[in-house]
Amino acid sequence: MDAIEALKGRRSVRVYEDKPVPKDVIEEIIDTARLAPTANNIQPWEFIVVTDPAARRKIADLTDWGKFIAQSGACVAVYAKAVKHYLEDGSAAIENILVAAHALGLGTCWVAGYGKDYGEPIREMLGVPEGYKLVGLVSLGYPAERPEAKGKRGVSDVLHWERYRDKSTKEA
């Protein structure tokens, strides 16, 4: 699968087959995450892969919108040192995880971490040192469904040349 196809075809998956994801496949995905762009090449991220079903269930129970993590094959907790651009750096790494997983036939869903009350309890549960912040959680597994894109705005609706133009007026 080429990069454009992977980017355009990726969807959030919340229903997974009861099938483990091989360690070498997870390592390949995380290898793409560590290569994400990062401000000043600081690379503040750490990736904690949770495959234990009881631990995934506990993480799922702590989240507000990530209950499906319990049924996934793995959960990747992306933490980053609390440096100036940790959120941007960690988000770029998560995007690489999402696209790489899709290219390898897996499904994912990005569950918010930034500013969430469960970031600290999950950090403690996973033994992440103080000074790191949860950027996000990513469920990872073999999809039991293939969601279609719904309600995506067209490129002509979001693209502006030279300056912003209100597309709801005739002057657009």
N, C-alpha and C. Protein backbone atom coordinates (compact mmCIF):
# COMPACT_ATOMS: atom_id res chain seq x y z
N MET A 1 0.85 -1.17 0.00
CA MET A 1 0.00 0.00 0.00
C MET A 1 0.90 1.24 0.00
N ASP A 2 0.62 2.17 -0.90
CA ASP A 2 1.45 3.38 -0.92
C ASP A 2 0.96 4.37 0.14
N ALA A 3 1.74 5.40 0.38
CA ALA A 3 1.47 6.34 1.47
C ALA A 3 0.14 7.07 1.28
N ILE A 4 -0.15 7.53 0.06
CA ILE A 4 -1.39 8.27 -0.18
C ILE A 4 -2.59 7.37 0.07
N GLU A 5 -2.52 6.14 -0.42
CA GLU A 5 -3.61 5.18 -0.20
C GLU A 5 -3.79 4.91 1.30
N ALA A 6 -2.71 4.77 2.04
CA ALA A 6 -2.79 4.53 3.48
C ALA A 6 -3.42 5.72 4.20
N LEU A 7 -3.03 6.91 3.82
CA LEU A 7 -3.58 8.11 4.46
C LEU A 7 -5.07 8.28 4.15
N LYS A 8 -5.45 8.04 2.91
CA LYS A 8 -6.84 8.23 2.52
C LYS A 8 -7.75 7.09 2.99
N GLY A 9 -7.19 5.92 3.21
CA GLY A 9 -8.01 4.76 3.58
C GLY A 9 -8.13 4.50 5.06
N ARG A 10 -7.31 5.13 5.87
CA ARG A 10 -7.32 4.89 7.32
C ARG A 10 -8.63 5.37 7.94
N ARG A 11 -9.18 4.57 8.83
CA ARG A 11 -10.39 4.92 9.56
C ARG A 11 -10.20 4.54 11.03
N SER A 12 -10.98 5.15 11.90
CA SER A 12 -10.97 4.77 13.31
C SER A 12 -11.77 3.49 13.49
N VAL A 13 -11.12 2.49 14.08
CA VAL A 13 -11.73 1.18 14.28
C VAL A 13 -11.95 0.99 15.78
N ARG A 14 -13.17 0.58 16.13
CA ARG A 14 -13.51 0.40 17.54
C ARG A 14 -14.00 -1.01 17.84
N VAL A 15 -13.99 -1.89 16.84
CA VAL A 15 -14.39 -3.29 17.02
C VAL A 15 -13.28 -4.16 16.44
N TYR A 16 -12.78 -5.08 17.28
CA TYR A 16 -11.61 -5.87 16.90
C TYR A 16 -11.88 -7.36 16.99
N GLU A 17 -11.15 -8.13 16.17
CA GLU A 17 -11.16 -9.58 16.28
C GLU A 17 -10.39 -9.97 17.54
N ASP A 18 -10.75 -11.11 18.09
CA ASP A 18 -10.05 -11.63 19.26
C ASP A 18 -8.80 -12.38 18.77
N LYS A 19 -7.79 -11.60 18.43
CA LYS A 19 -6.59 -12.16 17.81
C LYS A 19 -5.40 -11.29 18.23
N PRO A 20 -4.36 -11.90 18.76
CA PRO A 20 -3.19 -11.08 19.17
C PRO A 20 -2.44 -10.52 17.96
N VAL A 21 -1.81 -9.39 18.19
CA VAL A 21 -0.98 -8.76 17.16
C VAL A 21 0.46 -9.22 17.43
N PRO A 22 1.12 -9.80 16.42
CA PRO A 22 2.50 -10.27 16.63
C PRO A 22 3.44 -9.14 17.07
N LYS A 23 4.36 -9.49 17.94
CA LYS A 23 5.31 -8.52 18.50
C LYS A 23 6.11 -7.82 17.40
N ASP A 24 6.54 -8.55 16.37
CA ASP A 24 7.34 -7.94 15.32
C ASP A 24 6.55 -6.91 14.51
N VAL A 25 5.23 -7.12 14.39
CA VAL A 25 4.39 -6.15 13.70
C VAL A 25 4.27 -4.88 14.54
N ILE A 26 4.09 -5.05 15.85
CA ILE A 26 4.02 -3.88 16.74
C ILE A 26 5.34 -3.12 16.71
N GLU A 27 6.44 -3.83 16.74
CA GLU A 27 7.75 -3.17 16.69
C GLU A 27 7.93 -2.39 15.40
N GLU A 28 7.46 -2.93 14.29
CA GLU A 28 7.54 -2.21 13.01
C GLU A 28 6.74 -0.91 13.06
N ILE A 29 5.56 -0.98 13.67
CA ILE A 29 4.71 0.21 13.79
C ILE A 29 5.38 1.26 14.69
N ILE A 30 5.90 0.83 15.81
CA ILE A 30 6.56 1.77 16.72
C ILE A 30 7.83 2.34 16.08
N ASP A 31 8.48 1.56 15.24
CA ASP A 31 9.65 2.07 14.52
C ASP A 31 9.27 3.27 13.66
N THR A 32 8.07 3.24 13.06
CA THR A 32 7.64 4.40 12.27
C THR A 32 7.32 5.58 13.17
N ALA A 33 6.82 5.32 14.37
CA ALA A 33 6.48 6.40 15.30
C ALA A 33 7.73 7.14 15.75
N ARG A 34 8.80 6.42 16.02
CA ARG A 34 10.03 7.07 16.50
C ARG A 34 10.68 7.92 15.42
N LEU A 35 10.27 7.73 14.17
CA LEU A 35 10.83 8.49 13.05
C LEU A 35 9.99 9.73 12.72
N ALA A 36 8.96 9.99 13.50
CA ALA A 36 8.11 11.16 13.25
C ALA A 36 8.90 12.45 13.42
N PRO A 37 8.44 13.52 12.78
CA PRO A 37 9.11 14.80 12.98
C PRO A 37 8.98 15.25 14.43
N THR A 38 10.00 15.97 14.90
CA THR A 38 10.02 16.42 16.28
C THR A 38 10.77 17.75 16.37
N ALA A 39 10.25 18.68 17.13
CA ALA A 39 10.88 19.99 17.28
C ALA A 39 12.29 19.84 17.84
N ASN A 40 13.25 20.44 17.15
CA ASN A 40 14.66 20.41 17.57
C ASN A 40 15.21 19.01 17.75
N ASN A 41 14.57 18.03 17.14
CA ASN A 41 14.98 16.62 17.23
C ASN A 41 15.07 16.14 18.68
N ILE A 42 14.23 16.67 19.54
CA ILE A 42 14.24 16.28 20.96
C ILE A 42 13.75 14.85 21.17
N GLN A 43 12.80 14.40 20.36
CA GLN A 43 12.26 13.04 20.46
C GLN A 43 11.82 12.73 21.90
N PRO A 44 10.85 13.48 22.42
CA PRO A 44 10.49 13.36 23.83
C PRO A 44 9.62 12.14 24.16
N TRP A 45 9.30 11.36 23.20
CA TRP A 45 8.30 10.32 23.35
C TRP A 45 8.81 9.02 23.94
N GLU A 46 7.86 8.31 24.56
CA GLU A 46 8.05 6.93 25.02
C GLU A 46 6.76 6.21 24.66
N PHE A 47 6.88 4.97 24.19
CA PHE A 47 5.74 4.20 23.74
C PHE A 47 5.61 2.95 24.63
N ILE A 48 4.54 2.85 25.35
CA ILE A 48 4.31 1.70 26.21
C ILE A 48 3.22 0.87 25.57
N VAL A 49 3.57 -0.35 25.14
CA VAL A 49 2.62 -1.24 24.49
C VAL A 49 2.06 -2.18 25.56
N VAL A 50 0.75 -2.18 25.69
CA VAL A 50 0.08 -3.01 26.68
C VAL A 50 -0.72 -4.09 25.95
N THR A 51 -0.31 -5.34 26.14
CA THR A 51 -1.01 -6.46 25.52
C THR A 51 -1.78 -7.29 26.54
N ASP A 52 -1.44 -7.18 27.81
CA ASP A 52 -2.11 -7.94 28.85
C ASP A 52 -3.59 -7.56 28.91
N PRO A 53 -4.51 -8.53 28.77
CA PRO A 53 -5.94 -8.21 28.74
C PRO A 53 -6.43 -7.49 30.00
N ALA A 54 -5.97 -7.89 31.18
CA ALA A 54 -6.42 -7.24 32.42
C ALA A 54 -5.96 -5.79 32.48
N ALA A 55 -4.75 -5.53 32.04
CA ALA A 55 -4.22 -4.16 32.04
C ALA A 55 -4.97 -3.30 31.01
N ARG A 56 -5.25 -3.87 29.83
CA ARG A 56 -6.02 -3.12 28.83
C ARG A 56 -7.42 -2.80 29.34
N ARG A 57 -8.02 -3.75 30.05
CA ARG A 57 -9.35 -3.53 30.62
C ARG A 57 -9.30 -2.40 31.64
N LYS A 58 -8.25 -2.37 32.48
CA LYS A 58 -8.13 -1.31 33.48
C LYS A 58 -7.96 0.06 32.81
N ILE A 59 -7.13 0.11 31.76
CA ILE A 59 -6.96 1.36 31.01
C ILE A 59 -8.29 1.78 30.40
N ALA A 60 -8.99 0.84 29.78
CA ALA A 60 -10.28 1.14 29.16
C ALA A 60 -11.26 1.69 30.19
N ASP A 61 -11.29 1.10 31.37
CA ASP A 61 -12.20 1.54 32.42
C ASP A 61 -11.88 2.95 32.91
N LEU A 62 -10.61 3.34 32.85
CA LEU A 62 -10.21 4.68 33.30
C LEU A 62 -10.59 5.76 32.29
N THR A 63 -10.70 5.40 31.02
CA THR A 63 -10.99 6.41 29.99
C THR A 63 -12.47 6.76 29.95
N ASP A 64 -12.76 7.89 29.32
CA ASP A 64 -14.16 8.26 29.14
C ASP A 64 -14.70 7.78 27.79
N TRP A 65 -13.86 7.72 26.75
CA TRP A 65 -14.33 7.32 25.42
C TRP A 65 -13.51 6.19 24.81
N GLY A 66 -12.79 5.42 25.62
CA GLY A 66 -11.93 4.36 25.07
C GLY A 66 -12.24 2.97 25.58
N LYS A 67 -13.51 2.69 25.85
CA LYS A 67 -13.88 1.38 26.42
C LYS A 67 -13.49 0.22 25.51
N PHE A 68 -13.43 0.45 24.20
CA PHE A 68 -13.08 -0.59 23.23
C PHE A 68 -11.61 -1.03 23.34
N ILE A 69 -10.79 -0.28 24.06
CA ILE A 69 -9.39 -0.67 24.25
C ILE A 69 -9.31 -2.07 24.85
N ALA A 70 -10.28 -2.42 25.70
CA ALA A 70 -10.29 -3.72 26.35
C ALA A 70 -10.36 -4.87 25.35
N GLN A 71 -11.00 -4.66 24.20
CA GLN A 71 -11.16 -5.72 23.20
C GLN A 71 -10.09 -5.69 22.11
N SER A 72 -9.24 -4.68 22.12
CA SER A 72 -8.21 -4.59 21.08
C SER A 72 -7.09 -5.59 21.36
N GLY A 73 -6.23 -5.78 20.40
CA GLY A 73 -5.09 -6.69 20.59
C GLY A 73 -3.98 -6.06 21.41
N ALA A 74 -3.91 -4.72 21.39
CA ALA A 74 -2.88 -4.00 22.14
C ALA A 74 -3.33 -2.56 22.30
N CYS A 75 -2.74 -1.91 23.28
CA CYS A 75 -2.94 -0.48 23.47
C CYS A 75 -1.56 0.16 23.54
N VAL A 76 -1.37 1.20 22.78
CA VAL A 76 -0.12 1.95 22.82
C VAL A 76 -0.38 3.25 23.57
N ALA A 77 0.29 3.40 24.71
CA ALA A 77 0.21 4.65 25.46
C ALA A 77 1.40 5.49 25.04
N VAL A 78 1.12 6.67 24.51
CA VAL A 78 2.18 7.56 24.05
C VAL A 78 2.34 8.67 25.08
N TYR A 79 3.47 8.63 25.75
CA TYR A 79 3.85 9.65 26.73
C TYR A 79 5.01 10.44 26.16
N ALA A 80 5.13 11.69 26.60
CA ALA A 80 6.24 12.52 26.17
C ALA A 80 6.72 13.35 27.34
N LYS A 81 8.04 13.59 27.37
CA LYS A 81 8.60 14.51 28.36
C LYS A 81 7.89 15.85 28.19
N ALA A 82 7.64 16.50 29.29
CA ALA A 82 6.91 17.77 29.26
C ALA A 82 7.80 18.91 28.77
N VAL A 83 8.23 18.80 27.52
CA VAL A 83 9.02 19.85 26.88
C VAL A 83 8.07 20.77 26.11
N LYS A 84 8.60 21.85 25.57
CA LYS A 84 7.77 22.88 24.95
C LYS A 84 6.79 22.34 23.90
N HIS A 85 7.23 21.47 23.02
CA HIS A 85 6.37 21.01 21.92
C HIS A 85 6.01 19.53 22.04
N TYR A 86 5.85 19.04 23.26
CA TYR A 86 5.57 17.62 23.45
C TYR A 86 4.27 17.19 22.79
N LEU A 87 3.27 18.06 22.81
CA LEU A 87 1.98 17.68 22.25
C LEU A 87 2.07 17.52 20.73
N GLU A 88 2.74 18.44 20.06
CA GLU A 88 2.91 18.34 18.61
C GLU A 88 3.76 17.11 18.26
N ASP A 89 4.87 16.94 18.99
CA ASP A 89 5.76 15.81 18.71
C ASP A 89 5.04 14.48 18.91
N GLY A 90 4.36 14.35 20.05
CA GLY A 90 3.64 13.11 20.33
C GLY A 90 2.51 12.85 19.36
N SER A 91 1.83 13.92 18.94
CA SER A 91 0.74 13.76 17.97
C SER A 91 1.26 13.30 16.61
N ALA A 92 2.42 13.81 16.20
CA ALA A 92 3.02 13.36 14.94
C ALA A 92 3.36 11.88 15.02
N ALA A 93 3.89 11.45 16.17
CA ALA A 93 4.21 10.03 16.34
C ALA A 93 2.95 9.17 16.30
N ILE A 94 1.88 9.65 16.92
CA ILE A 94 0.62 8.90 16.90
C ILE A 94 0.10 8.78 15.48
N GLU A 95 0.16 9.85 14.71
CA GLU A 95 -0.31 9.77 13.33
C GLU A 95 0.47 8.71 12.56
N ASN A 96 1.78 8.62 12.79
CA ASN A 96 2.57 7.58 12.13
C ASN A 96 2.10 6.20 12.54
N ILE A 97 1.75 6.02 13.82
CA ILE A 97 1.22 4.73 14.29
C ILE A 97 -0.06 4.39 13.55
N LEU A 98 -0.97 5.35 13.44
CA LEU A 98 -2.26 5.11 12.79
C LEU A 98 -2.09 4.69 11.33
N VAL A 99 -1.25 5.42 10.61
CA VAL A 99 -1.08 5.14 9.18
C VAL A 99 -0.30 3.85 8.95
N ALA A 100 0.77 3.63 9.72
CA ALA A 100 1.56 2.40 9.57
C ALA A 100 0.70 1.17 9.88
N ALA A 101 -0.08 1.24 10.94
CA ALA A 101 -0.94 0.11 11.30
C ALA A 101 -1.92 -0.20 10.18
N HIS A 102 -2.53 0.83 9.62
CA HIS A 102 -3.47 0.62 8.51
C HIS A 102 -2.76 -0.02 7.32
N ALA A 103 -1.57 0.47 7.01
CA ALA A 103 -0.81 -0.08 5.88
C ALA A 103 -0.48 -1.56 6.09
N LEU A 104 -0.40 -1.98 7.35
CA LEU A 104 -0.09 -3.38 7.68
C LEU A 104 -1.34 -4.21 7.93
N GLY A 105 -2.52 -3.64 7.63
CA GLY A 105 -3.77 -4.39 7.74
C GLY A 105 -4.42 -4.37 9.12
N LEU A 106 -3.95 -3.49 9.98
CA LEU A 106 -4.51 -3.40 11.33
C LEU A 106 -5.43 -2.19 11.45
N GLY A 107 -6.26 -2.21 12.46
CA GLY A 107 -7.13 -1.09 12.76
C GLY A 107 -6.65 -0.40 14.03
N THR A 108 -6.95 0.88 14.13
CA THR A 108 -6.56 1.68 15.28
C THR A 108 -7.64 2.70 15.60
N CYS A 109 -7.56 3.23 16.81
CA CYS A 109 -8.36 4.39 17.16
C CYS A 109 -7.58 5.20 18.17
N TRP A 110 -7.43 6.47 17.91
CA TRP A 110 -6.72 7.41 18.77
C TRP A 110 -7.68 7.87 19.86
N VAL A 111 -7.32 7.62 21.09
CA VAL A 111 -8.11 8.04 22.24
C VAL A 111 -7.36 9.19 22.91
N ALA A 112 -8.05 10.28 23.16
CA ALA A 112 -7.43 11.47 23.73
C ALA A 112 -6.68 11.16 25.02
N GLY A 113 -5.60 11.90 25.24
CA GLY A 113 -4.84 11.79 26.47
C GLY A 113 -4.53 13.15 27.05
N TYR A 114 -4.24 14.09 26.17
CA TYR A 114 -3.88 15.44 26.57
C TYR A 114 -4.95 16.06 27.46
N GLY A 115 -4.56 16.48 28.65
CA GLY A 115 -5.47 17.17 29.55
C GLY A 115 -6.52 16.29 30.22
N LYS A 116 -6.43 14.99 30.04
CA LYS A 116 -7.42 14.09 30.62
C LYS A 116 -7.02 13.69 32.04
N ASP A 117 -8.01 13.56 32.91
CA ASP A 117 -7.76 13.18 34.30
C ASP A 117 -7.12 11.81 34.43
N TYR A 118 -7.34 10.93 33.44
CA TYR A 118 -6.80 9.58 33.55
C TYR A 118 -5.33 9.47 33.14
N GLY A 119 -4.75 10.54 32.63
CA GLY A 119 -3.34 10.49 32.23
C GLY A 119 -2.42 10.14 33.38
N GLU A 120 -2.67 10.72 34.53
CA GLU A 120 -1.82 10.48 35.70
C GLU A 120 -2.00 9.07 36.26
N PRO A 121 -3.23 8.57 36.47
CA PRO A 121 -3.37 7.19 36.95
C PRO A 121 -2.78 6.15 36.00
N ILE A 122 -2.93 6.39 34.70
CA ILE A 122 -2.36 5.44 33.74
C ILE A 122 -0.84 5.54 33.76
N ARG A 123 -0.30 6.75 33.90
CA ARG A 123 1.16 6.93 34.01
C ARG A 123 1.69 6.12 35.19
N GLU A 124 1.03 6.22 36.34
CA GLU A 124 1.45 5.48 37.52
C GLU A 124 1.32 3.98 37.30
N MET A 125 0.21 3.55 36.72
CA MET A 125 -0.04 2.13 36.45
C MET A 125 1.06 1.53 35.57
N LEU A 126 1.51 2.30 34.58
CA LEU A 126 2.49 1.81 33.62
C LEU A 126 3.93 2.09 34.05
N GLY A 127 4.11 2.73 35.19
CA GLY A 127 5.46 2.98 35.70
C GLY A 127 6.23 4.03 34.94
N VAL A 128 5.53 4.94 34.29
CA VAL A 128 6.18 6.02 33.55
C VAL A 128 6.68 7.05 34.56
N PRO A 129 7.92 7.50 34.45
CA PRO A 129 8.45 8.47 35.42
C PRO A 129 7.67 9.78 35.44
N GLU A 130 7.72 10.48 36.55
CA GLU A 130 7.12 11.81 36.63
C GLU A 130 7.80 12.71 35.60
N GLY A 131 7.09 13.73 35.17
CA GLY A 131 7.64 14.64 34.17
C GLY A 131 7.24 14.27 32.75
N TYR A 132 6.47 13.19 32.61
CA TYR A 132 5.95 12.79 31.30
C TYR A 132 4.45 13.02 31.29
N LYS A 133 3.93 13.38 30.12
CA LYS A 133 2.50 13.63 29.98
C LYS A 133 1.92 12.69 28.92
N LEU A 134 0.70 12.23 29.18
CA LEU A 134 0.01 11.37 28.22
C LEU A 134 -0.44 12.21 27.03
N VAL A 135 0.04 11.86 25.86
CA VAL A 135 -0.40 12.51 24.63
C VAL A 135 -1.65 11.81 24.11
N GLY A 136 -1.64 10.49 24.14
CA GLY A 136 -2.80 9.74 23.68
C GLY A 136 -2.62 8.25 23.85
N LEU A 137 -3.73 7.56 23.71
CA LEU A 137 -3.76 6.11 23.72
C LEU A 137 -4.21 5.67 22.34
N VAL A 138 -3.64 4.57 21.85
CA VAL A 138 -4.04 4.06 20.55
C VAL A 138 -4.41 2.59 20.71
N SER A 139 -5.67 2.27 20.42
CA SER A 139 -6.06 0.86 20.37
C SER A 139 -5.53 0.31 19.05
N LEU A 140 -5.13 -0.94 19.09
CA LEU A 140 -4.47 -1.55 17.93
C LEU A 140 -4.92 -2.99 17.84
N GLY A 141 -5.35 -3.42 16.66
CA GLY A 141 -5.75 -4.81 16.50
C GLY A 141 -6.26 -5.09 15.11
N TYR A 142 -6.67 -6.34 14.92
CA TYR A 142 -7.23 -6.75 13.63
C TYR A 142 -8.70 -6.31 13.61
N PRO A 143 -9.07 -5.51 12.64
CA PRO A 143 -10.43 -4.95 12.63
C PRO A 143 -11.49 -6.00 12.36
N ALA A 144 -12.56 -5.94 13.15
CA ALA A 144 -13.73 -6.80 12.92
C ALA A 144 -14.76 -6.04 12.08
N GLU A 145 -14.46 -4.79 11.79
CA GLU A 145 -15.31 -3.96 10.94
C GLU A 145 -14.43 -3.05 10.10
N ARG A 146 -14.94 -2.59 8.99
CA ARG A 146 -14.23 -1.64 8.13
C ARG A 146 -15.11 -0.42 7.96
N PRO A 147 -15.01 0.53 8.90
CA PRO A 147 -15.87 1.72 8.81
C PRO A 147 -15.63 2.51 7.53
N GLU A 148 -16.70 3.09 7.02
CA GLU A 148 -16.61 3.97 5.86
C GLU A 148 -16.41 5.40 6.36
N ALA A 149 -15.83 6.22 5.53
CA ALA A 149 -15.68 7.64 5.87
C ALA A 149 -17.06 8.27 5.86
N LYS A 150 -17.37 9.00 6.93
CA LYS A 150 -18.68 9.64 7.02
C LYS A 150 -18.49 11.14 7.21
N GLY A 151 -19.22 11.91 6.44
CA GLY A 151 -19.29 13.34 6.66
C GLY A 151 -18.00 14.11 6.45
N LYS A 152 -17.06 13.56 5.71
CA LYS A 152 -15.81 14.30 5.47
C LYS A 152 -16.08 15.43 4.48
N ARG A 153 -15.61 16.61 4.83
CA ARG A 153 -15.73 17.76 3.93
C ARG A 153 -14.82 17.55 2.73
N GLY A 154 -15.26 18.03 1.59
CA GLY A 154 -14.48 17.91 0.36
C GLY A 154 -13.30 18.86 0.36
N VAL A 155 -12.31 18.55 -0.47
CA VAL A 155 -11.11 19.39 -0.54
C VAL A 155 -11.46 20.82 -0.94
N SER A 156 -12.43 20.99 -1.84
CA SER A 156 -12.80 22.34 -2.26
C SER A 156 -13.48 23.12 -1.12
N ASP A 157 -13.99 22.42 -0.11
CA ASP A 157 -14.62 23.07 1.04
C ASP A 157 -13.60 23.57 2.06
N VAL A 158 -12.42 22.98 2.06
CA VAL A 158 -11.44 23.31 3.11
C VAL A 158 -10.18 23.99 2.58
N LEU A 159 -10.00 23.99 1.27
CA LEU A 159 -8.79 24.55 0.68
C LEU A 159 -8.99 26.01 0.32
N HIS A 160 -8.06 26.84 0.74
CA HIS A 160 -8.07 28.27 0.44
C HIS A 160 -6.73 28.62 -0.19
N TRP A 161 -6.77 29.38 -1.26
CA TRP A 161 -5.53 29.80 -1.93
C TRP A 161 -5.22 31.25 -1.54
N GLU A 162 -4.05 31.46 -1.08
CA GLU A 162 -3.50 32.77 -0.72
C GLU A 162 -4.06 33.36 0.57
N ARG A 163 -5.36 33.22 0.83
CA ARG A 163 -5.95 33.74 2.06
C ARG A 163 -7.29 33.07 2.28
N TYR A 164 -7.78 33.13 3.50
CA TYR A 164 -9.07 32.53 3.84
C TYR A 164 -10.20 33.26 3.11
N ARG A 165 -11.13 32.48 2.58
CA ARG A 165 -12.31 33.05 1.95
C ARG A 165 -13.52 32.31 2.49
N ASP A 166 -14.55 33.04 2.87
CA ASP A 166 -15.79 32.46 3.38
C ASP A 166 -16.49 31.77 2.23
N LYS A 167 -16.58 30.46 2.27
CA LYS A 167 -17.15 29.68 1.16
C LYS A 167 -18.67 29.72 1.15
N SER A 168 -19.28 30.31 2.17
CA SER A 168 -20.75 30.37 2.21
C SER A 168 -21.30 31.59 1.49
N THR A 169 -20.42 32.47 1.00
CA THR A 169 -20.88 33.64 0.27
C THR A 169 -20.59 33.48 -1.22
N LYS A 170 -21.20 34.32 -2.05
CA LYS A 170 -20.98 34.25 -3.49
C LYS A 170 -19.57 34.68 -3.87
N GLU A 171 -18.92 35.44 -3.01
CA GLU A 171 -17.56 35.92 -3.30
C GLU A 171 -16.52 34.81 -3.18
N ALA A 172 -16.91 33.70 -2.65
CA ALA A 172 -15.95 32.62 -2.43
C ALA A 172 -15.44 32.13 -3.76
